[in-house]
Amino acid sequence: VQLQAFGGGLVRAGGSLSLSCAASGRTSNTYVMAWFRQAPGKKRELVSAISWRGSSTYYADSVKGRFTIARDSAKNTVYLQMNSLRPEDTAVYYCAASLYRSIVTRTVDYAYWGQGTLVTVSA
């Protein structure tokens, strides 16, 4: 399975950005998809995750109410709409896919990773 992330860039605080991640290859067994982020000097953290049919979602407390995850299973694509961005949201954002059927939150639970896309939020 290959994951390719799109979007990201530079935005001012309070602005919005949209990320997308397209999966290709043997995607039939990739159930949960997620977005992680890693800021300089910090550990990679789970931002949001979504189940195979989109019926379940997870958001980190820091992004609840501001970010929205969605997926189009027919297109094997997951999206992350980020609103009301803050400087502390600045990080490299990675999409990931898991072989688990239920949402999982650890990085080790995700078998496939995209290349990452940089999101920079200026004050």
Protein backbone atom coordinates (compact mmCIF):
# COMPACT_ATOMS: atom_id res chain seq x y z
CA VAL A 1 0.00 0.00 0.00
CA GLN A 2 1.32 3.40 -0.94
CA LEU A 3 0.05 6.61 0.61
CA GLN A 4 0.57 10.01 -0.91
CA ALA A 5 -0.36 13.16 0.96
CA PHE A 6 -1.33 16.43 -0.65
CA GLY A 7 -2.01 19.88 0.69
CA GLY A 8 -0.24 21.68 3.46
CA GLY A 9 1.58 24.94 3.16
CA LEU A 10 1.81 28.26 4.95
CA VAL A 11 -1.20 29.93 6.50
CA ARG A 12 -1.81 32.62 9.08
CA ALA A 13 -3.29 31.86 12.45
CA GLY A 14 -7.03 31.53 12.19
CA GLY A 15 -6.86 30.33 8.63
CA SER A 16 -7.72 26.98 7.09
CA LEU A 17 -5.98 24.27 5.16
CA SER A 18 -7.10 20.99 3.70
CA LEU A 19 -5.02 17.84 3.45
CA SER A 20 -5.77 14.77 1.40
CA CYS A 21 -4.16 11.36 1.24
CA ALA A 22 -4.61 8.92 -1.59
CA ALA A 23 -4.00 5.22 -1.04
CA SER A 24 -2.99 2.90 -3.85
CA GLY A 25 -1.95 -0.70 -4.18
CA ARG A 26 -3.49 -3.45 -2.06
CA THR A 27 -5.88 -1.23 -0.16
CA SER A 28 -8.57 -3.83 0.49
CA ASN A 29 -7.18 -4.63 3.93
CA THR A 30 -6.48 -1.13 5.11
CA TYR A 31 -9.27 -0.22 7.45
CA VAL A 32 -8.47 2.63 9.78
CA MET A 33 -6.83 5.66 8.27
CA ALA A 34 -5.37 8.50 10.24
CA TRP A 35 -3.42 11.70 10.30
CA PHE A 36 -0.43 12.10 12.60
CA ARG A 37 1.79 15.09 13.03
CA GLN A 38 5.28 15.71 14.28
CA ALA A 39 6.58 19.09 15.32
CA PRO A 40 10.33 19.77 15.60
CA GLY A 41 11.74 18.14 18.69
CA LYS A 42 8.48 16.41 19.55
CA LYS A 43 7.13 12.91 19.23
CA ARG A 44 4.79 12.00 16.44
CA GLU A 45 1.22 12.28 17.69
CA LEU A 46 -2.13 11.13 16.44
CA VAL A 47 -4.29 13.98 15.26
CA SER A 48 -7.32 12.18 13.92
CA ALA A 49 -8.44 8.76 12.72
CA ILE A 50 -11.42 7.34 10.89
CA SER A 51 -12.80 3.85 10.54
CA TRP A 52 -13.25 2.01 7.24
CA ARG A 53 -16.80 3.14 6.65
CA GLY A 54 -16.36 6.47 8.33
CA SER A 55 -18.75 5.60 11.13
CA SER A 56 -16.19 6.18 13.86
CA THR A 57 -13.74 8.99 14.27
CA TYR A 58 -11.11 10.06 16.75
CA TYR A 59 -9.71 13.51 17.39
CA ALA A 60 -6.95 14.61 19.68
CA ASP A 61 -8.21 17.02 22.31
CA SER A 62 -6.06 19.77 20.85
CA VAL A 63 -7.90 19.72 17.52
CA LYS A 64 -11.46 18.87 18.53
CA GLY A 65 -13.93 21.31 17.06
CA ARG A 66 -11.37 22.66 14.60
CA PHE A 67 -10.36 19.69 12.45
CA THR A 68 -12.60 17.32 10.54
CA ILE A 69 -11.58 13.99 9.07
CA ALA A 70 -13.46 12.30 6.26
CA ARG A 71 -12.85 9.54 3.78
CA ASP A 72 -14.06 8.48 0.39
CA SER A 73 -13.62 4.72 0.39
CA ALA A 74 -14.46 4.47 -3.29
CA LYS A 75 -11.50 6.71 -4.03
CA ASN A 76 -9.32 5.31 -1.23
CA THR A 77 -8.77 8.85 -0.05
CA VAL A 78 -8.85 10.42 3.37
CA TYR A 79 -9.17 14.13 4.01
CA LEU A 80 -8.37 16.44 6.90
CA GLN A 81 -10.01 19.83 6.97
CA MET A 82 -8.19 22.11 9.37
CA ASN A 83 -9.87 25.30 10.49
CA SER A 84 -8.96 27.96 13.05
CA LEU A 85 -5.33 26.98 12.74
CA ARG A 86 -2.93 27.96 15.48
CA PRO A 87 0.86 28.33 15.47
CA GLU A 88 1.06 25.21 17.63
CA ASP A 89 -0.47 23.23 14.76
CA THR A 90 2.75 23.73 12.84
CA ALA A 91 4.18 20.30 12.06
CA VAL A 92 4.79 17.75 9.38
CA TYR A 93 1.54 15.90 8.88
CA TYR A 94 1.57 12.24 7.94
CA CYS A 95 -1.25 10.07 6.74
CA ALA A 96 -1.23 6.46 7.84
CA ALA A 97 -3.23 3.31 7.29
CA SER A 98 -3.82 0.48 9.70
CA LEU A 99 -4.74 -3.17 9.27
CA TYR A 100 -6.96 -2.98 12.33
CA ARG A 101 -10.72 -2.76 11.93
CA SER A 102 -11.23 -0.53 14.94
CA ILE A 103 -9.61 2.82 15.55
CA VAL A 104 -6.18 2.51 17.10
CA THR A 105 -4.06 5.31 18.42
CA ARG A 106 -0.46 4.14 18.59
CA THR A 107 1.99 4.75 15.79
CA VAL A 108 3.03 1.08 15.92
CA ASP A 109 -0.54 0.09 15.01
CA TYR A 110 -0.20 1.72 11.59
CA ALA A 111 1.52 -0.36 8.94
CA TYR A 112 1.65 2.15 6.12
CA TRP A 113 2.78 5.76 6.08
CA GLY A 114 2.76 8.60 3.61
CA GLN A 115 5.70 10.89 3.00
CA GLY A 116 4.46 13.78 5.14
CA THR A 117 3.46 17.29 4.23
CA LEU A 118 4.50 20.44 6.07
CA VAL A 119 1.91 22.72 7.63
CA THR A 120 3.20 26.04 8.89
CA VAL A 121 0.95 28.41 10.80
CA SER A 122 2.29 31.89 11.35
CA ALA A 123 1.23 34.05 14.26
